[in-house]
Amino acid sequence: MESRMGRSRRITLAALVTVATAWSACMVILGLWLIGQGWRHLPMPRAMSAVGGLMSISGGLLIFMAAVADRVVPSVGRRLSMWPVEMVTALVMAVSFVVVLISYGGALS
């Protein structure tokens, strides 16, 4: 017979996977929209829309890798095969954020 703790942990993991997958999917879809058509609907240049889209996509991928993939398949993280992928994705997100911040920093204040 399964213990209550094991069942509770599986339910919690399922809820985390569901929420994190939805969150990351929304970020990736937003990023794709920003790259594809966002510049037509928002008051920003096409290049900044593309950089913002790249930032959103890389953020969504990072959330998925950290919150879902690392918990569902923990053996991949132990072999250190995903660490470089996660770090490159985080670097792309950070550089994109800095580019957007520098470009719009003066306009926001």
C-alpha atoms as a PDB file:
ATOM      1  CA  MET A   1       0.000   0.000   0.000  1.00  0.00           C
ATOM      2  CA  GLU A   2       1.264   3.412  -0.946  1.00  0.00           C
ATOM      3  CA  SER A   3       1.987   5.883   1.812  1.00  0.00           C
ATOM      4  CA  ARG A   4       0.255   9.240   2.007  1.00  0.00           C
ATOM      5  CA  MET A   5       3.623  10.982   1.687  1.00  0.00           C
ATOM      6  CA  GLY A   6       4.402   9.298  -1.630  1.00  0.00           C
ATOM      7  CA  ARG A   7       0.989  10.132  -3.059  1.00  0.00           C
ATOM      8  CA  SER A   8       1.210  13.715  -1.823  1.00  0.00           C
ATOM      9  CA  ARG A   9       4.636  14.114  -3.397  1.00  0.00           C
ATOM     10  CA  ARG A  10       3.400  12.809  -6.757  1.00  0.00           C
ATOM     11  CA  ILE A  11       0.413  15.173  -6.706  1.00  0.00           C
ATOM     12  CA  THR A  12       2.683  18.093  -5.834  1.00  0.00           C
ATOM     13  CA  LEU A  13       5.100  17.145  -8.616  1.00  0.00           C
ATOM     14  CA  ALA A  14       2.238  16.823 -11.097  1.00  0.00           C
ATOM     15  CA  ALA A  15       0.924  20.261 -10.112  1.00  0.00           C
ATOM     16  CA  LEU A  16       4.408  21.791 -10.430  1.00  0.00           C
ATOM     17  CA  VAL A  17       4.965  20.187 -13.831  1.00  0.00           C
ATOM     18  CA  THR A  18       1.565  21.373 -15.065  1.00  0.00           C
ATOM     19  CA  VAL A  19       1.995  24.970 -13.902  1.00  0.00           C
ATOM     20  CA  ALA A  20       5.626  25.273 -15.001  1.00  0.00           C
ATOM     21  CA  THR A  21       4.859  23.768 -18.420  1.00  0.00           C
ATOM     22  CA  ALA A  22       1.975  26.178 -18.960  1.00  0.00           C
ATOM     23  CA  TRP A  23       4.083  29.128 -17.777  1.00  0.00           C
ATOM     24  CA  SER A  24       7.003  28.248 -20.027  1.00  0.00           C
ATOM     25  CA  ALA A  25       4.698  27.582 -22.992  1.00  0.00           C
ATOM     26  CA  CYS A  26       3.104  31.012 -22.565  1.00  0.00           C
ATOM     27  CA  MET A  27       6.538  32.643 -22.518  1.00  0.00           C
ATOM     28  CA  VAL A  28       7.675  30.784 -25.642  1.00  0.00           C
ATOM     29  CA  ILE A  29       4.446  31.630 -27.496  1.00  0.00           C
ATOM     30  CA  LEU A  30       4.776  35.287 -26.462  1.00  0.00           C
ATOM     31  CA  GLY A  31       8.363  35.288 -27.703  1.00  0.00           C
ATOM     32  CA  LEU A  32       7.392  33.775 -31.027  1.00  0.00           C
ATOM     33  CA  TRP A  33       4.650  36.385 -31.397  1.00  0.00           C
ATOM     34  CA  LEU A  34       7.073  39.197 -30.577  1.00  0.00           C
ATOM     35  CA  ILE A  35       9.529  37.943 -33.183  1.00  0.00           C
ATOM     36  CA  GLY A  36       6.870  37.359 -35.817  1.00  0.00           C
ATOM     37  CA  GLN A  37       4.275  40.120 -35.458  1.00  0.00           C
ATOM     38  CA  GLY A  38       4.816  41.979 -32.208  1.00  0.00           C
ATOM     39  CA  TRP A  39       6.567  44.927 -33.787  1.00  0.00           C
ATOM     40  CA  ARG A  40       3.453  45.616 -35.893  1.00  0.00           C
ATOM     41  CA  HIS A  41       1.210  45.903 -32.842  1.00  0.00           C
ATOM     42  CA  LEU A  42       3.555  47.437 -30.269  1.00  0.00           C
ATOM     43  CA  PRO A  43       5.312  50.802 -30.309  1.00  0.00           C
ATOM     44  CA  MET A  44       8.810  49.378 -30.656  1.00  0.00           C
ATOM     45  CA  PRO A  45      11.277  48.817 -33.465  1.00  0.00           C
ATOM     46  CA  ARG A  46      11.374  45.440 -35.165  1.00  0.00           C
ATOM     47  CA  ALA A  47      14.871  44.690 -33.814  1.00  0.00           C
ATOM     48  CA  MET A  48      13.827  45.327 -30.213  1.00  0.00           C
ATOM     49  CA  SER A  49      10.743  43.182 -30.685  1.00  0.00           C
ATOM     50  CA  ALA A  50      13.002  40.367 -31.905  1.00  0.00           C
ATOM     51  CA  VAL A  51      15.362  40.783 -28.941  1.00  0.00           C
ATOM     52  CA  GLY A  52      12.415  40.811 -26.535  1.00  0.00           C
ATOM     53  CA  GLY A  53      11.064  37.694 -28.220  1.00  0.00           C
ATOM     54  CA  LEU A  54      14.422  35.980 -27.874  1.00  0.00           C
ATOM     55  CA  MET A  55      14.480  36.925 -24.198  1.00  0.00           C
ATOM     56  CA  SER A  56      10.990  35.517 -23.664  1.00  0.00           C
ATOM     57  CA  ILE A  57      11.733  32.277 -25.524  1.00  0.00           C
ATOM     58  CA  SER A  58      14.981  31.661 -23.646  1.00  0.00           C
ATOM     59  CA  GLY A  59      13.249  32.447 -20.348  1.00  0.00           C
ATOM     60  CA  GLY A  60      10.491  29.966 -21.125  1.00  0.00           C
ATOM     61  CA  LEU A  61      13.008  27.289 -22.033  1.00  0.00           C
ATOM     62  CA  LEU A  62      14.978  27.975 -18.853  1.00  0.00           C
ATOM     63  CA  ILE A  63      11.857  27.687 -16.697  1.00  0.00           C
ATOM     64  CA  PHE A  64      10.945  24.420 -18.396  1.00  0.00           C
ATOM     65  CA  MET A  65      14.442  22.967 -17.988  1.00  0.00           C
ATOM     66  CA  ALA A  66      14.783  24.038 -14.349  1.00  0.00           C
ATOM     67  CA  ALA A  67      11.276  23.343 -13.079  1.00  0.00           C
ATOM     68  CA  VAL A  68      10.167  20.388 -15.192  1.00  0.00           C
ATOM     69  CA  ALA A  69      13.011  18.549 -16.897  1.00  0.00           C
ATOM     70  CA  ASP A  70      15.351  18.544 -13.892  1.00  0.00           C
ATOM     71  CA  ARG A  71      12.628  17.064 -11.674  1.00  0.00           C
ATOM     72  CA  VAL A  72      11.087  14.589 -14.097  1.00  0.00           C
ATOM     73  CA  VAL A  73      14.421  13.245 -15.416  1.00  0.00           C
ATOM     74  CA  PRO A  74      16.954  13.973 -12.628  1.00  0.00           C
ATOM     75  CA  SER A  75      19.560  11.557 -14.013  1.00  0.00           C
ATOM     76  CA  VAL A  76      20.334  13.954 -16.871  1.00  0.00           C
ATOM     77  CA  GLY A  77      21.342  16.656 -14.399  1.00  0.00           C
ATOM     78  CA  ARG A  78      23.614  14.289 -12.501  1.00  0.00           C
ATOM     79  CA  ARG A  79      25.636  13.575 -15.638  1.00  0.00           C
ATOM     80  CA  LEU A  80      26.162  17.305 -16.177  1.00  0.00           C
ATOM     81  CA  SER A  81      25.015  17.018 -19.776  1.00  0.00           C
ATOM     82  CA  MET A  82      22.255  19.618 -19.342  1.00  0.00           C
ATOM     83  CA  TRP A  83      24.307  22.142 -17.398  1.00  0.00           C
ATOM     84  CA  PRO A  84      25.936  23.757 -20.470  1.00  0.00           C
ATOM     85  CA  VAL A  85      22.571  23.980 -22.240  1.00  0.00           C
ATOM     86  CA  GLU A  86      20.968  25.631 -19.215  1.00  0.00           C
ATOM     87  CA  MET A  87      23.858  28.074 -18.823  1.00  0.00           C
ATOM     88  CA  VAL A  88      23.843  29.087 -22.507  1.00  0.00           C
ATOM     89  CA  THR A  89      20.077  29.601 -22.347  1.00  0.00           C
ATOM     90  CA  ALA A  90      20.460  31.712 -19.201  1.00  0.00           C
ATOM     91  CA  LEU A  91      23.230  33.719 -20.874  1.00  0.00           C
ATOM     92  CA  VAL A  92      21.049  34.398 -23.936  1.00  0.00           C
ATOM     93  CA  MET A  93      18.231  35.548 -21.666  1.00  0.00           C
ATOM     94  CA  ALA A  94      20.524  37.791 -19.615  1.00  0.00           C
ATOM     95  CA  VAL A  95      22.191  39.379 -22.658  1.00  0.00           C
ATOM     96  CA  SER A  96      18.796  39.981 -24.268  1.00  0.00           C
ATOM     97  CA  PHE A  97      17.564  41.585 -21.064  1.00  0.00           C
ATOM     98  CA  VAL A  98      20.602  43.867 -20.902  1.00  0.00           C
ATOM     99  CA  VAL A  99      20.138  44.890 -24.553  1.00  0.00           C
ATOM    100  CA  VAL A 100      16.486  45.747 -23.951  1.00  0.00           C
ATOM    101  CA  LEU A 101      17.331  47.558 -20.715  1.00  0.00           C
ATOM    102  CA  ILE A 102      20.071  49.627 -22.327  1.00  0.00           C
ATOM    103  CA  SER A 103      17.927  50.415 -25.374  1.00  0.00           C
ATOM    104  CA  TYR A 104      14.853  51.451 -23.415  1.00  0.00           C
ATOM    105  CA  GLY A 105      16.492  52.491 -20.143  1.00  0.00           C
ATOM    106  CA  GLY A 106      16.450  56.177 -20.982  1.00  0.00           C
ATOM    107  CA  ALA A 107      12.943  56.046 -22.431  1.00  0.00           C
ATOM    108  CA  LEU A 108      11.468  54.494 -19.286  1.00  0.00           C
ATOM    109  CA  SER A 109      12.728  57.086 -16.815  1.00  0.00           C
END
